[in-house]
């Protein structure tokens, strides 16, 4: 069996970030599309919302093959802002998406670490 050279990192470049967001989208497409129908809009919003200090990435030969988003110190790895949503949606849609996000984001104690999401390249 071949040993895989997988590196875990919290620092990636712009192109790797785009790939990581695509992997996340593919893993959670059904959940995301319930609120954001357009893949292009979803990718743009997630790119703005992803907080690198709350994410670890798995790289295989320099290519992103997975990510894990963490929730700790009551901070999540995705932070949606109303003003970012407004770039893509009307005020009512933006408010609705923002409120759903806020309502579904659990509150945790400062001393708790929660794995929020794990996504792996389907190949």
PDB file of N, CA and C in Angstrom:
ATOM      1  N   UNK A   1       0.838  -1.169   0.000  1.00  0.00           N
ATOM      2  CA  UNK A   1       0.000   0.000   0.000  1.00  0.00           C
ATOM      3  C   UNK A   1       0.891   1.243   0.000  1.00  0.00           C
ATOM      4  N   UNK A   2       0.519   2.221  -0.826  1.00  0.00           N
ATOM      5  CA  UNK A   2       1.286   3.452  -0.949  1.00  0.00           C
ATOM      6  C   UNK A   2       0.970   4.402   0.207  1.00  0.00           C
ATOM      7  N   UNK A   3       2.004   4.973   0.795  1.00  0.00           N
ATOM      8  CA  UNK A   3       1.833   5.940   1.875  1.00  0.00           C
ATOM      9  C   UNK A   3       1.542   7.315   1.272  1.00  0.00           C
ATOM     10  N   UNK A   4       0.489   7.962   1.756  1.00  0.00           N
ATOM     11  CA  UNK A   4       0.134   9.289   1.261  1.00  0.00           C
ATOM     12  C   UNK A   4       0.882  10.345   2.063  1.00  0.00           C
ATOM     13  N   UNK A   5       1.358  11.353   1.362  1.00  0.00           N
ATOM     14  CA  UNK A   5       2.084  12.441   1.995  1.00  0.00           C
ATOM     15  C   UNK A   5       1.107  13.594   2.255  1.00  0.00           C
ATOM     16  N   UNK A   6       0.330  13.483   3.325  1.00  0.00           N
ATOM     17  CA  UNK A   6      -0.673  14.489   3.649  1.00  0.00           C
ATOM     18  C   UNK A   6      -0.115  15.420   4.718  1.00  0.00           C
ATOM     19  N   UNK A   7      -0.231  16.707   4.438  1.00  0.00           N
ATOM     20  CA  UNK A   7       0.211  17.741   5.368  1.00  0.00           C
ATOM     21  C   UNK A   7      -1.026  18.436   5.927  1.00  0.00           C
ATOM     22  N   UNK A   8      -1.042  18.680   7.231  1.00  0.00           N
ATOM     23  CA  UNK A   8      -2.117  19.440   7.870  1.00  0.00           C
ATOM     24  C   UNK A   8      -1.571  20.832   8.148  1.00  0.00           C
ATOM     25  N   UNK A   9      -2.307  21.850   7.703  1.00  0.00           N
ATOM     26  CA  UNK A   9      -1.844  23.224   7.854  1.00  0.00           C
ATOM     27  C   UNK A   9      -3.017  24.156   8.122  1.00  0.00           C
ATOM     28  N   UNK A  10      -2.699  25.309   8.660  1.00  0.00           N
ATOM     29  CA  UNK A  10      -3.723  26.338   8.836  1.00  0.00           C
ATOM     30  C   UNK A  10      -3.485  27.514   7.899  1.00  0.00           C
ATOM     31  N   UNK A  11      -2.479  27.382   7.049  1.00  0.00           N
ATOM     32  CA  UNK A  11      -2.108  28.457   6.143  1.00  0.00           C
ATOM     33  C   UNK A  11      -2.096  27.944   4.704  1.00  0.00           C
ATOM     34  N   UNK A  12      -2.884  28.589   3.849  1.00  0.00           N
ATOM     35  CA  UNK A  12      -2.937  28.202   2.437  1.00  0.00           C
ATOM     36  C   UNK A  12      -2.928  29.459   1.574  1.00  0.00           C
ATOM     37  N   UNK A  13      -2.618  29.276   0.291  1.00  0.00           N
ATOM     38  CA  UNK A  13      -2.613  30.422  -0.618  1.00  0.00           C
ATOM     39  C   UNK A  13      -4.014  30.636  -1.222  1.00  0.00           C
ATOM     40  N   UNK A  14      -4.131  31.666  -2.036  1.00  0.00           N
ATOM     41  CA  UNK A  14      -5.428  32.051  -2.610  1.00  0.00           C
ATOM     42  C   UNK A  14      -6.053  30.928  -3.447  1.00  0.00           C
ATOM     43  N   UNK A  15      -5.255  30.296  -4.298  1.00  0.00           N
ATOM     44  CA  UNK A  15      -5.789  29.216  -5.140  1.00  0.00           C
ATOM     45  C   UNK A  15      -6.206  28.005  -4.307  1.00  0.00           C
ATOM     46  N   UNK A  16      -5.435  27.687  -3.282  1.00  0.00           N
ATOM     47  CA  UNK A  16      -5.795  26.587  -2.388  1.00  0.00           C
ATOM     48  C   UNK A  16      -7.081  26.915  -1.636  1.00  0.00           C
ATOM     49  N   UNK A  17      -7.248  28.181  -1.264  1.00  0.00           N
ATOM     50  CA  UNK A  17      -8.464  28.606  -0.561  1.00  0.00           C
ATOM     51  C   UNK A  17      -9.685  28.406  -1.453  1.00  0.00           C
ATOM     52  N   UNK A  18      -9.568  28.783  -2.702  1.00  0.00           N
ATOM     53  CA  UNK A  18     -10.676  28.597  -3.649  1.00  0.00           C
ATOM     54  C   UNK A  18     -11.021  27.113  -3.751  1.00  0.00           C
ATOM     55  N   UNK A  19     -10.004  26.265  -3.840  1.00  0.00           N
ATOM     56  CA  UNK A  19     -10.247  24.813  -3.918  1.00  0.00           C
ATOM     57  C   UNK A  19     -10.902  24.304  -2.641  1.00  0.00           C
ATOM     58  N   UNK A  20     -10.450  24.800  -1.495  1.00  0.00           N
ATOM     59  CA  UNK A  20     -11.037  24.383  -0.214  1.00  0.00           C
ATOM     60  C   UNK A  20     -12.519  24.736  -0.158  1.00  0.00           C
ATOM     61  N   UNK A  21     -12.876  25.906  -0.634  1.00  0.00           N
ATOM     62  CA  UNK A  21     -14.278  26.332  -0.622  1.00  0.00           C
ATOM     63  C   UNK A  21     -15.103  25.480  -1.573  1.00  0.00           C
ATOM     64  N   UNK A  22     -14.528  25.100  -2.708  1.00  0.00           N
ATOM     65  CA  UNK A  22     -15.228  24.205  -3.635  1.00  0.00           C
ATOM     66  C   UNK A  22     -15.466  22.840  -2.997  1.00  0.00           C
ATOM     67  N   UNK A  23     -14.480  22.332  -2.280  1.00  0.00           N
ATOM     68  CA  UNK A  23     -14.629  21.047  -1.587  1.00  0.00           C
ATOM     69  C   UNK A  23     -15.734  21.152  -0.541  1.00  0.00           C
ATOM     70  N   UNK A  24     -15.728  22.243   0.215  1.00  0.00           N
ATOM     71  CA  UNK A  24     -16.762  22.457   1.224  1.00  0.00           C
ATOM     72  C   UNK A  24     -18.141  22.520   0.571  1.00  0.00           C
ATOM     73  N   UNK A  25     -18.240  23.271  -0.513  1.00  0.00           N
ATOM     74  CA  UNK A  25     -19.512  23.388  -1.220  1.00  0.00           C
ATOM     75  C   UNK A  25     -19.999  22.016  -1.694  1.00  0.00           C
ATOM     76  N   UNK A  26     -19.115  21.241  -2.311  1.00  0.00           N
ATOM     77  CA  UNK A  26     -19.507  19.915  -2.798  1.00  0.00           C
ATOM     78  C   UNK A  26     -19.982  19.016  -1.658  1.00  0.00           C
ATOM     79  N   UNK A  27     -19.338  19.120  -0.503  1.00  0.00           N
ATOM     80  CA  UNK A  27     -19.714  18.271   0.635  1.00  0.00           C
ATOM     81  C   UNK A  27     -21.051  18.670   1.238  1.00  0.00           C
ATOM     82  N   UNK A  28     -21.368  19.956   1.207  1.00  0.00           N
ATOM     83  CA  UNK A  28     -22.579  20.450   1.873  1.00  0.00           C
ATOM     84  C   UNK A  28     -23.545  21.125   0.905  1.00  0.00           C
ATOM     85  N   UNK A  29     -23.486  20.713  -0.349  1.00  0.00           N
ATOM     86  CA  UNK A  29     -24.281  21.334  -1.401  1.00  0.00           C
ATOM     87  C   UNK A  29     -25.780  21.380  -1.084  1.00  0.00           C
ATOM     88  N   UNK A  30     -26.323  20.286  -0.617  1.00  0.00           N
ATOM     89  CA  UNK A  30     -27.768  20.259  -0.341  1.00  0.00           C
ATOM     90  C   UNK A  30     -28.147  21.256   0.752  1.00  0.00           C
ATOM     91  N   UNK A  31     -27.347  21.316   1.772  1.00  0.00           N
ATOM     92  CA  UNK A  31     -27.610  22.240   2.878  1.00  0.00           C
ATOM     93  C   UNK A  31     -27.457  23.691   2.416  1.00  0.00           C
ATOM     94  N   UNK A  32     -26.411  23.967   1.666  1.00  0.00           N
ATOM     95  CA  UNK A  32     -26.150  25.321   1.199  1.00  0.00           C
ATOM     96  C   UNK A  32     -27.220  25.766   0.221  1.00  0.00           C
ATOM     97  N   UNK A  33     -27.584  24.895  -0.712  1.00  0.00           N
ATOM     98  CA  UNK A  33     -28.566  25.264  -1.740  1.00  0.00           C
ATOM     99  C   UNK A  33     -29.958  25.517  -1.180  1.00  0.00           C
ATOM    100  N   UNK A  34     -30.213  25.069   0.026  1.00  0.00           N
ATOM    101  CA  UNK A  34     -31.503  25.372   0.652  1.00  0.00           C
ATOM    102  C   UNK A  34     -31.656  26.884   0.861  1.00  0.00           C
ATOM    103  N   UNK A  35     -30.550  27.579   1.029  1.00  0.00           N
ATOM    104  CA  UNK A  35     -30.585  29.035   1.229  1.00  0.00           C
ATOM    105  C   UNK A  35     -30.017  29.823   0.055  1.00  0.00           C
ATOM    106  N   UNK A  36     -28.980  29.290  -0.566  1.00  0.00           N
ATOM    107  CA  UNK A  36     -28.310  30.007  -1.656  1.00  0.00           C
ATOM    108  C   UNK A  36     -28.324  29.100  -2.887  1.00  0.00           C
ATOM    109  N   UNK A  37     -29.181  29.390  -3.824  1.00  0.00           N
ATOM    110  CA  UNK A  37     -29.375  28.521  -5.002  1.00  0.00           C
ATOM    111  C   UNK A  37     -28.189  28.550  -5.961  1.00  0.00           C
ATOM    112  N   UNK A  38     -27.583  29.699  -6.142  1.00  0.00           N
ATOM    113  CA  UNK A  38     -26.505  29.857  -7.108  1.00  0.00           C
ATOM    114  C   UNK A  38     -25.167  29.400  -6.528  1.00  0.00           C
ATOM    115  N   UNK A  39     -24.520  28.470  -7.227  1.00  0.00           N
ATOM    116  CA  UNK A  39     -23.206  27.998  -6.779  1.00  0.00           C
ATOM    117  C   UNK A  39     -22.201  29.142  -6.770  1.00  0.00           C
ATOM    118  N   UNK A  40     -22.223  29.989  -7.789  1.00  0.00           N
ATOM    119  CA  UNK A  40     -21.277  31.097  -7.874  1.00  0.00           C
ATOM    120  C   UNK A  40     -21.438  32.054  -6.696  1.00  0.00           C
ATOM    121  N   UNK A  41     -22.679  32.382  -6.362  1.00  0.00           N
ATOM    122  CA  UNK A  41     -22.931  33.265  -5.212  1.00  0.00           C
ATOM    123  C   UNK A  41     -22.485  32.592  -3.921  1.00  0.00           C
ATOM    124  N   UNK A  42     -22.802  31.326  -3.788  1.00  0.00           N
ATOM    125  CA  UNK A  42     -22.428  30.603  -2.566  1.00  0.00           C
ATOM    126  C   UNK A  42     -20.915  30.588  -2.396  1.00  0.00           C
ATOM    127  N   UNK A  43     -20.177  30.290  -3.464  1.00  0.00           N
ATOM    128  CA  UNK A  43     -18.717  30.255  -3.380  1.00  0.00           C
ATOM    129  C   UNK A  43     -18.152  31.619  -3.018  1.00  0.00           C
ATOM    130  N   UNK A  44     -18.702  32.675  -3.600  1.00  0.00           N
ATOM    131  CA  UNK A  44     -18.228  34.031  -3.297  1.00  0.00           C
ATOM    132  C   UNK A  44     -18.502  34.395  -1.838  1.00  0.00           C
ATOM    133  N   UNK A  45     -19.683  34.062  -1.358  1.00  0.00           N
ATOM    134  CA  UNK A  45     -20.050  34.378   0.031  1.00  0.00           C
ATOM    135  C   UNK A  45     -19.200  33.560   1.001  1.00  0.00           C
ATOM    136  N   UNK A  46     -19.023  32.293   0.718  1.00  0.00           N
ATOM    137  CA  UNK A  46     -18.204  31.448   1.601  1.00  0.00           C
ATOM    138  C   UNK A  46     -16.743  31.904   1.585  1.00  0.00           C
ATOM    139  N   UNK A  47     -16.267  32.400   0.458  1.00  0.00           N
ATOM    140  CA  UNK A  47     -14.901  32.916   0.394  1.00  0.00           C
ATOM    141  C   UNK A  47     -14.738  34.114   1.325  1.00  0.00           C
ATOM    142  N   UNK A  48     -15.726  34.983   1.370  1.00  0.00           N
ATOM    143  CA  UNK A  48     -15.700  36.139   2.280  1.00  0.00           C
ATOM    144  C   UNK A  48     -15.866  35.706   3.737  1.00  0.00           C
ATOM    145  N   UNK A  49     -16.576  34.630   3.978  1.00  0.00           N
ATOM    146  CA  UNK A  49     -16.982  34.243   5.329  1.00  0.00           C
ATOM    147  C   UNK A  49     -16.014  33.306   6.039  1.00  0.00           C
ATOM    148  N   UNK A  50     -15.161  32.615   5.294  1.00  0.00           N
ATOM    149  CA  UNK A  50     -14.258  31.624   5.869  1.00  0.00           C
ATOM    150  C   UNK A  50     -13.155  32.310   6.678  1.00  0.00           C
ATOM    151  N   UNK A  51     -13.021  31.924   7.930  1.00  0.00           N
ATOM    152  CA  UNK A  51     -12.017  32.499   8.839  1.00  0.00           C
ATOM    153  C   UNK A  51     -10.880  31.508   9.018  1.00  0.00           C
ATOM    154  N   UNK A  52      -9.724  31.835   8.450  1.00  0.00           N
ATOM    155  CA  UNK A  52      -8.588  30.919   8.450  1.00  0.00           C
ATOM    156  C   UNK A  52      -8.126  30.512   9.841  1.00  0.00           C
ATOM    157  N   UNK A  53      -8.318  31.350  10.846  1.00  0.00           N
ATOM    158  CA  UNK A  53      -7.841  30.995  12.187  1.00  0.00           C
ATOM    159  C   UNK A  53      -8.717  29.942  12.864  1.00  0.00           C
ATOM    160  N   UNK A  54      -9.743  29.499  12.198  1.00  0.00           N
ATOM    161  CA  UNK A  54     -10.649  28.492  12.744  1.00  0.00           C
ATOM    162  C   UNK A  54     -10.697  27.239  11.857  1.00  0.00           C
ATOM    163  N   UNK A  55      -9.742  27.120  10.918  1.00  0.00           N
ATOM    164  CA  UNK A  55      -9.783  26.034   9.939  1.00  0.00           C
ATOM    165  C   UNK A  55      -8.409  25.380   9.827  1.00  0.00           C
ATOM    166  N   UNK A  56      -8.417  24.055   9.667  1.00  0.00           N
ATOM    167  CA  UNK A  56      -7.216  23.313   9.300  1.00  0.00           C
ATOM    168  C   UNK A  56      -7.478  22.671   7.952  1.00  0.00           C
ATOM    169  N   UNK A  57      -6.453  22.663   7.120  1.00  0.00           N
ATOM    170  CA  UNK A  57      -6.563  22.129   5.770  1.00  0.00           C
ATOM    171  C   UNK A  57      -5.667  20.908   5.624  1.00  0.00           C
ATOM    172  N   UNK A  58      -6.115  19.938   4.839  1.00  0.00           N
ATOM    173  CA  UNK A  58      -5.303  18.779   4.499  1.00  0.00           C
ATOM    174  C   UNK A  58      -4.819  18.974   3.068  1.00  0.00           C
ATOM    175  N   UNK A  59      -3.492  18.900   2.913  1.00  0.00           N
ATOM    176  CA  UNK A  59      -2.891  19.048   1.597  1.00  0.00           C
ATOM    177  C   UNK A  59      -2.223  17.740   1.196  1.00  0.00           C
ATOM    178  N   UNK A  60      -2.422  17.342  -0.043  1.00  0.00           N
ATOM    179  CA  UNK A  60      -1.754  16.177  -0.618  1.00  0.00           C
ATOM    180  C   UNK A  60      -0.933  16.695  -1.789  1.00  0.00           C
ATOM    181  N   UNK A  61       0.373  16.613  -1.646  1.00  0.00           N
ATOM    182  CA  UNK A  61       1.274  17.141  -2.678  1.00  0.00           C
ATOM    183  C   UNK A  61       0.950  18.602  -3.018  1.00  0.00           C
ATOM    184  N   UNK A  62       0.619  19.384  -2.005  1.00  0.00           N
ATOM    185  CA  UNK A  62       0.348  20.805  -2.187  1.00  0.00           C
ATOM    186  C   UNK A  62      -1.060  21.138  -2.614  1.00  0.00           C
ATOM    187  N   UNK A  63      -1.889  20.127  -2.867  1.00  0.00           N
ATOM    188  CA  UNK A  63      -3.282  20.350  -3.276  1.00  0.00           C
ATOM    189  C   UNK A  63      -4.217  20.123  -2.095  1.00  0.00           C
ATOM    190  N   UNK A  64      -5.173  21.020  -1.921  1.00  0.00           N
ATOM    191  CA  UNK A  64      -6.141  20.867  -0.837  1.00  0.00           C
ATOM    192  C   UNK A  64      -7.025  19.670  -1.130  1.00  0.00           C
ATOM    193  N   UNK A  65      -7.119  18.755  -0.155  1.00  0.00           N
ATOM    194  CA  UNK A  65      -7.977  17.583  -0.299  1.00  0.00           C
ATOM    195  C   UNK A  65      -9.017  17.504   0.813  1.00  0.00           C
ATOM    196  N   UNK A  66      -8.958  18.440   1.757  1.00  0.00           N
ATOM    197  CA  UNK A  66      -9.943  18.434   2.822  1.00  0.00           C
ATOM    198  C   UNK A  66      -9.750  19.600   3.758  1.00  0.00           C
ATOM    199  N   UNK A  67     -10.759  19.806   4.592  1.00  0.00           N
ATOM    200  CA  UNK A  67     -10.695  20.850   5.604  1.00  0.00           C
ATOM    201  C   UNK A  67     -11.580  20.486   6.773  1.00  0.00           C
ATOM    202  N   UNK A  68     -11.241  21.067   7.895  1.00  0.00           N
ATOM    203  CA  UNK A  68     -12.040  20.903   9.096  1.00  0.00           C
ATOM    204  C   UNK A  68     -12.253  22.287   9.689  1.00  0.00           C
ATOM    205  N   UNK A  69     -13.505  22.632   9.898  1.00  0.00           N
ATOM    206  CA  UNK A  69     -13.859  23.920  10.478  1.00  0.00           C
ATOM    207  C   UNK A  69     -14.182  23.755  11.951  1.00  0.00           C
ATOM    208  N   UNK A  70     -13.584  24.612  12.758  1.00  0.00           N
ATOM    209  CA  UNK A  70     -13.736  24.515  14.204  1.00  0.00           C
ATOM    210  C   UNK A  70     -14.573  25.657  14.759  1.00  0.00           C
ATOM    211  N   UNK A  71     -15.141  25.382  15.911  1.00  0.00           N
ATOM    212  CA  UNK A  71     -15.953  26.347  16.649  1.00  0.00           C
ATOM    213  C   UNK A  71     -15.406  26.338  18.072  1.00  0.00           C
ATOM    214  N   UNK A  72     -14.715  27.398  18.434  1.00  0.00           N
ATOM    215  CA  UNK A  72     -14.206  27.497  19.800  1.00  0.00           C
ATOM    216  C   UNK A  72     -14.097  28.959  20.201  1.00  0.00           C
ATOM    217  N   UNK A  73     -14.028  29.164  21.510  1.00  0.00           N
ATOM    218  CA  UNK A  73     -14.081  30.518  22.072  1.00  0.00           C
ATOM    219  C   UNK A  73     -15.294  31.258  21.513  1.00  0.00           C
ATOM    220  N   UNK A  74     -16.337  30.495  21.263  1.00  0.00           N
ATOM    221  CA  UNK A  74     -17.605  30.961  20.707  1.00  0.00           C
ATOM    222  C   UNK A  74     -17.429  31.702  19.380  1.00  0.00           C
ATOM    223  N   UNK A  75     -16.407  31.311  18.612  1.00  0.00           N
ATOM    224  CA  UNK A  75     -16.179  31.828  17.269  1.00  0.00           C
ATOM    225  C   UNK A  75     -16.275  30.660  16.304  1.00  0.00           C
ATOM    226  N   UNK A  76     -16.932  30.881  15.179  1.00  0.00           N
ATOM    227  CA  UNK A  76     -17.085  29.828  14.183  1.00  0.00           C
ATOM    228  C   UNK A  76     -16.140  30.059  13.009  1.00  0.00           C
ATOM    229  N   UNK A  77     -15.936  29.025  12.223  1.00  0.00           N
ATOM    230  CA  UNK A  77     -15.035  29.145  11.080  1.00  0.00           C
ATOM    231  C   UNK A  77     -15.690  29.853   9.898  1.00  0.00           C
ATOM    232  N   UNK A  78     -17.004  29.987   9.931  1.00  0.00           N
ATOM    233  CA  UNK A  78     -17.729  30.753   8.924  1.00  0.00           C
ATOM    234  C   UNK A  78     -18.450  31.893   9.630  1.00  0.00           C
ATOM    235  N   UNK A  79     -18.213  33.100   9.173  1.00  0.00           N
ATOM    236  CA  UNK A  79     -18.878  34.261   9.755  1.00  0.00           C
ATOM    237  C   UNK A  79     -19.547  35.031   8.623  1.00  0.00           C
ATOM    238  N   UNK A  80     -20.863  34.863   8.538  1.00  0.00           N
ATOM    239  CA  UNK A  80     -21.626  35.577   7.521  1.00  0.00           C
ATOM    240  C   UNK A  80     -21.954  36.977   8.033  1.00  0.00           C
ATOM    241  N   UNK A  81     -21.750  37.945   7.173  1.00  0.00           N
ATOM    242  CA  UNK A  81     -22.078  39.332   7.504  1.00  0.00           C
ATOM    243  C   UNK A  81     -23.177  39.804   6.567  1.00  0.00           C
ATOM    244  N   UNK A  82     -24.120  40.525   7.140  1.00  0.00           N
ATOM    245  CA  UNK A  82     -25.246  41.023   6.362  1.00  0.00           C
ATOM    246  C   UNK A  82     -24.755  41.835   5.159  1.00  0.00           C
ATOM    247  N   UNK A  83     -23.762  42.692   5.354  1.00  0.00           N
ATOM    248  CA  UNK A  83     -23.289  43.549   4.255  1.00  0.00           C
ATOM    249  C   UNK A  83     -22.700  42.727   3.105  1.00  0.00           C
ATOM    250  N   UNK A  84     -22.090  41.590   3.414  1.00  0.00           N
ATOM    251  CA  UNK A  84     -21.583  40.725   2.345  1.00  0.00           C
ATOM    252  C   UNK A  84     -22.727  40.065   1.586  1.00  0.00           C
ATOM    253  N   UNK A  85     -23.738  39.650   2.311  1.00  0.00           N
ATOM    254  CA  UNK A  85     -24.907  39.046   1.661  1.00  0.00           C
ATOM    255  C   UNK A  85     -25.620  40.048   0.753  1.00  0.00           C
ATOM    256  N   UNK A  86     -25.637  41.310   1.162  1.00  0.00           N
ATOM    257  CA  UNK A  86     -26.319  42.361   0.388  1.00  0.00           C
ATOM    258  C   UNK A  86     -25.697  42.564  -0.984  1.00  0.00           C
ATOM    259  N   UNK A  87     -24.457  42.152  -1.167  1.00  0.00           N
ATOM    260  CA  UNK A  87     -23.816  42.279  -2.476  1.00  0.00           C
ATOM    261  C   UNK A  87     -24.438  41.330  -3.492  1.00  0.00           C
ATOM    262  N   UNK A  88     -25.147  40.310  -2.992  1.00  0.00           N
ATOM    263  CA  UNK A  88     -25.678  39.273  -3.873  1.00  0.00           C
ATOM    264  C   UNK A  88     -27.194  39.120  -3.818  1.00  0.00           C
ATOM    265  N   UNK A  89     -27.809  39.670  -2.777  1.00  0.00           N
ATOM    266  CA  UNK A  89     -29.251  39.481  -2.577  1.00  0.00           C
ATOM    267  C   UNK A  89     -29.921  40.793  -2.206  1.00  0.00           C
ATOM    268  N   UNK A  90     -31.242  40.823  -2.392  1.00  0.00           N
ATOM    269  CA  UNK A  90     -31.983  42.003  -1.968  1.00  0.00           C
ATOM    270  C   UNK A  90     -32.032  42.039  -0.430  1.00  0.00           C
ATOM    271  N   UNK A  91     -32.483  43.151   0.164  1.00  0.00           N
ATOM    272  CA  UNK A  91     -32.457  43.262   1.633  1.00  0.00           C
ATOM    273  C   UNK A  91     -33.220  42.161   2.362  1.00  0.00           C
ATOM    274  N   UNK A  92     -34.368  41.775   1.861  1.00  0.00           N
ATOM    275  CA  UNK A  92     -35.161  40.745   2.533  1.00  0.00           C
ATOM    276  C   UNK A  92     -34.478  39.383   2.465  1.00  0.00           C
ATOM    277  N   UNK A  93     -33.991  39.009   1.302  1.00  0.00           N
ATOM    278  CA  UNK A  93     -33.280  37.733   1.166  1.00  0.00           C
ATOM    279  C   UNK A  93     -32.024  37.720   2.050  1.00  0.00           C
ATOM    280  N   UNK A  94     -31.290  38.819   2.033  1.00  0.00           N
ATOM    281  CA  UNK A  94     -30.067  38.916   2.838  1.00  0.00           C
ATOM    282  C   UNK A  94     -30.383  38.758   4.315  1.00  0.00           C
ATOM    283  N   UNK A  95     -31.423  39.432   4.766  1.00  0.00           N
ATOM    284  CA  UNK A  95     -31.802  39.347   6.170  1.00  0.00           C
ATOM    285  C   UNK A  95     -32.224  37.921   6.530  1.00  0.00           C
ATOM    286  N   UNK A  96     -32.996  37.291   5.662  1.00  0.00           N
ATOM    287  CA  UNK A  96     -33.465  35.926   5.906  1.00  0.00           C
ATOM    288  C   UNK A  96     -32.282  34.963   6.039  1.00  0.00           C
ATOM    289  N   UNK A  97     -31.340  35.016   5.093  1.00  0.00           N
ATOM    290  CA  UNK A  97     -30.171  34.128   5.132  1.00  0.00           C
ATOM    291  C   UNK A  97     -29.356  34.401   6.390  1.00  0.00           C
ATOM    292  N   UNK A  98     -29.160  35.668   6.693  1.00  0.00           N
ATOM    293  CA  UNK A  98     -28.375  36.048   7.877  1.00  0.00           C
ATOM    294  C   UNK A  98     -29.042  35.529   9.159  1.00  0.00           C
ATOM    295  N   UNK A  99     -30.340  35.687   9.277  1.00  0.00           N
ATOM    296  CA  UNK A  99     -31.063  35.236  10.491  1.00  0.00           C
ATOM    297  C   UNK A  99     -31.026  33.713  10.616  1.00  0.00           C
ATOM    298  N   UNK A 100     -31.211  33.007   9.524  1.00  0.00           N
ATOM    299  CA  UNK A 100     -31.139  31.539   9.563  1.00  0.00           C
ATOM    300  C   UNK A 100     -29.763  31.119  10.049  1.00  0.00           C
ATOM    301  N   UNK A 101     -28.725  31.749   9.517  1.00  0.00           N
ATOM    302  CA  UNK A 101     -27.357  31.448   9.952  1.00  0.00           C
ATOM    303  C   UNK A 101     -27.203  31.693  11.451  1.00  0.00           C
ATOM    304  N   UNK A 102     -27.665  32.827  11.929  1.00  0.00           N
ATOM    305  CA  UNK A 102     -27.525  33.153  13.350  1.00  0.00           C
ATOM    306  C   UNK A 102     -28.328  32.190  14.232  1.00  0.00           C
ATOM    307  N   UNK A 103     -29.507  31.825  13.791  1.00  0.00           N
ATOM    308  CA  UNK A 103     -30.360  30.926  14.575  1.00  0.00           C
ATOM    309  C   UNK A 103     -29.824  29.499  14.622  1.00  0.00           C
ATOM    310  N   UNK A 104     -29.131  29.088  13.576  1.00  0.00           N
ATOM    311  CA  UNK A 104     -28.652  27.706  13.524  1.00  0.00           C
ATOM    312  C   UNK A 104     -27.217  27.545  14.028  1.00  0.00           C
ATOM    313  N   UNK A 105     -26.554  28.654  14.330  1.00  0.00           N
ATOM    314  CA  UNK A 105     -25.194  28.586  14.882  1.00  0.00           C
ATOM    315  C   UNK A 105     -25.290  28.392  16.393  1.00  0.00           C
ATOM    316  N   UNK A 106     -24.869  27.238  16.872  1.00  0.00           N
ATOM    317  CA  UNK A 106     -25.004  26.991  18.310  1.00  0.00           C
ATOM    318  C   UNK A 106     -24.061  27.865  19.130  1.00  0.00           C
ATOM    319  N   UNK A 107     -24.493  28.205  20.295  1.00  0.00           N
ATOM    320  CA  UNK A 107     -23.657  28.920  21.257  1.00  0.00           C
ATOM    321  C   UNK A 107     -22.948  27.873  22.100  1.00  0.00           C
ATOM    322  N   UNK A 108     -21.656  28.052  22.276  1.00  0.00           N
ATOM    323  CA  UNK A 108     -20.896  27.117  23.097  1.00  0.00           C
ATOM    324  C   UNK A 108     -20.098  27.896  24.132  1.00  0.00           C
ATOM    325  N   UNK A 109     -19.712  27.211  25.177  1.00  0.00           N
ATOM    326  CA  UNK A 109     -18.909  27.831  26.220  1.00  0.00           C
ATOM    327  C   UNK A 109     -17.510  28.115  25.689  1.00  0.00           C
ATOM    328  N   UNK A 110     -16.849  29.104  26.286  1.00  0.00           N
ATOM    329  CA  UNK A 110     -15.518  29.494  25.834  1.00  0.00           C
ATOM    330  C   UNK A 110     -14.487  28.382  25.949  1.00  0.00           C
ATOM    331  N   UNK A 111     -14.681  27.452  26.867  1.00  0.00           N
ATOM    332  CA  UNK A 111     -13.695  26.393  27.056  1.00  0.00           C
ATOM    333  C   UNK A 111     -14.022  25.121  26.272  1.00  0.00           C
ATOM    334  N   UNK A 112     -14.948  25.212  25.317  1.00  0.00           N
ATOM    335  CA  UNK A 112     -15.367  24.059  24.516  1.00  0.00           C
ATOM    336  C   UNK A 112     -14.830  24.205  23.095  1.00  0.00           C
ATOM    337  N   UNK A 113     -14.346  23.113  22.556  1.00  0.00           N
ATOM    338  CA  UNK A 113     -13.936  23.047  21.156  1.00  0.00           C
ATOM    339  C   UNK A 113     -14.911  22.115  20.445  1.00  0.00           C
ATOM    340  N   UNK A 114     -15.511  22.596  19.391  1.00  0.00           N
ATOM    341  CA  UNK A 114     -16.498  21.817  18.638  1.00  0.00           C
ATOM    342  C   UNK A 114     -16.046  21.714  17.194  1.00  0.00           C
ATOM    343  N   UNK A 115     -16.045  20.495  16.662  1.00  0.00           N
ATOM    344  CA  UNK A 115     -15.800  20.330  15.228  1.00  0.00           C
ATOM    345  C   UNK A 115     -17.095  20.676  14.531  1.00  0.00           C
ATOM    346  N   UNK A 116     -17.073  21.721  13.774  1.00  0.00           N
ATOM    347  CA  UNK A 116     -18.272  22.211  13.108  1.00  0.00           C
ATOM    348  C   UNK A 116     -18.537  21.463  11.818  1.00  0.00           C
ATOM    349  N   UNK A 117     -17.512  21.344  10.976  1.00  0.00           N
ATOM    350  CA  UNK A 117     -17.669  20.682   9.685  1.00  0.00           C
ATOM    351  C   UNK A 117     -16.370  20.034   9.247  1.00  0.00           C
ATOM    352  N   UNK A 118     -16.516  18.930   8.556  1.00  0.00           N
ATOM    353  CA  UNK A 118     -15.384  18.263   7.924  1.00  0.00           C
ATOM    354  C   UNK A 118     -15.803  18.001   6.474  1.00  0.00           C
ATOM    355  N   UNK A 119     -14.913  18.364   5.552  1.00  0.00           N
ATOM    356  CA  UNK A 119     -15.187  18.131   4.138  1.00  0.00           C
ATOM    357  C   UNK A 119     -13.924  17.561   3.498  1.00  0.00           C
ATOM    358  N   UNK A 120     -14.109  16.558   2.648  1.00  0.00           N
ATOM    359  CA  UNK A 120     -12.996  15.907   1.977  1.00  0.00           C
ATOM    360  C   UNK A 120     -13.302  15.841   0.487  1.00  0.00           C
ATOM    361  N   UNK A 121     -12.275  16.044  -0.330  1.00  0.00           N
ATOM    362  CA  UNK A 121     -12.416  15.939  -1.769  1.00  0.00           C
ATOM    363  C   UNK A 121     -13.026  14.587  -2.116  1.00  0.00           C
ATOM    364  N   UNK A 122     -14.035  14.570  -2.962  1.00  0.00           N
ATOM    365  CA  UNK A 122     -14.747  13.320  -3.246  1.00  0.00           C
ATOM    366  C   UNK A 122     -13.884  12.303  -3.986  1.00  0.00           C
ATOM    367  N   UNK A 123     -12.781  12.749  -4.591  1.00  0.00           N
ATOM    368  CA  UNK A 123     -11.911  11.791  -5.279  1.00  0.00           C
ATOM    369  C   UNK A 123     -10.917  11.176  -4.309  1.00  0.00           C
TER     370      UNK A 123
END
